[in-house]
Amino acid sequence: MTTMAEHDRTERLEAGNGNYWRDPDGVWRYAWGGEPVPGAVDRLEGGEAVGLDAPELERDQLVDSRTVARERGWRLPTLRIMVHRGRHCPPAVRFAGGHQPALYSRAAIAKFDAWRAAQLAAAGVDPSGGRLRASRDPHGRFAAEDDDQGH
């Protein structure tokens, strides 16, 4: 008997190491937040969708893992750990054998960063590392404030 989770996994087409997924209507979406991927179209083999092609996956829109790590102020092993822990999006392209650096989509990084910042803020955590405290403004809406220790 197939469980619902197994059924969903078999029906959902993913690409780019999990950065993108294709919804039942054939729209390619980012894995975080579900926004449509601009310009994405099905990559077809024998008339069947097997992946996506998108402007952000063109070679001039991709950046290697060493550059991503350097731009983040990290070492390469730190980037790998952050990807493994779900704190950074995975590379969109990996090469067989691992002899070339993995490639990241700058657009996917930006989408992931925005999604992660929103998730952290919703949890009351400052994305820069400090914790936020939720309080209400005069109209009864929640507003985030730094805690008393300046975090």
Foldseek 3Di string as FASTA:
>chain_A
DADPVNVVVVPWAAALQRQWIADPVRFIAGNFPGDGAPAKHFDDDPRDGRYIDHPLPPPVQKDFQCVVQVVVVHHSVVVVVCCVVVNFPDASAADPPRPGTGIHRPVSRVSSVVRVCVVCVVVQCHPVGAGWDWDADPVRDTDTDGDPVRD
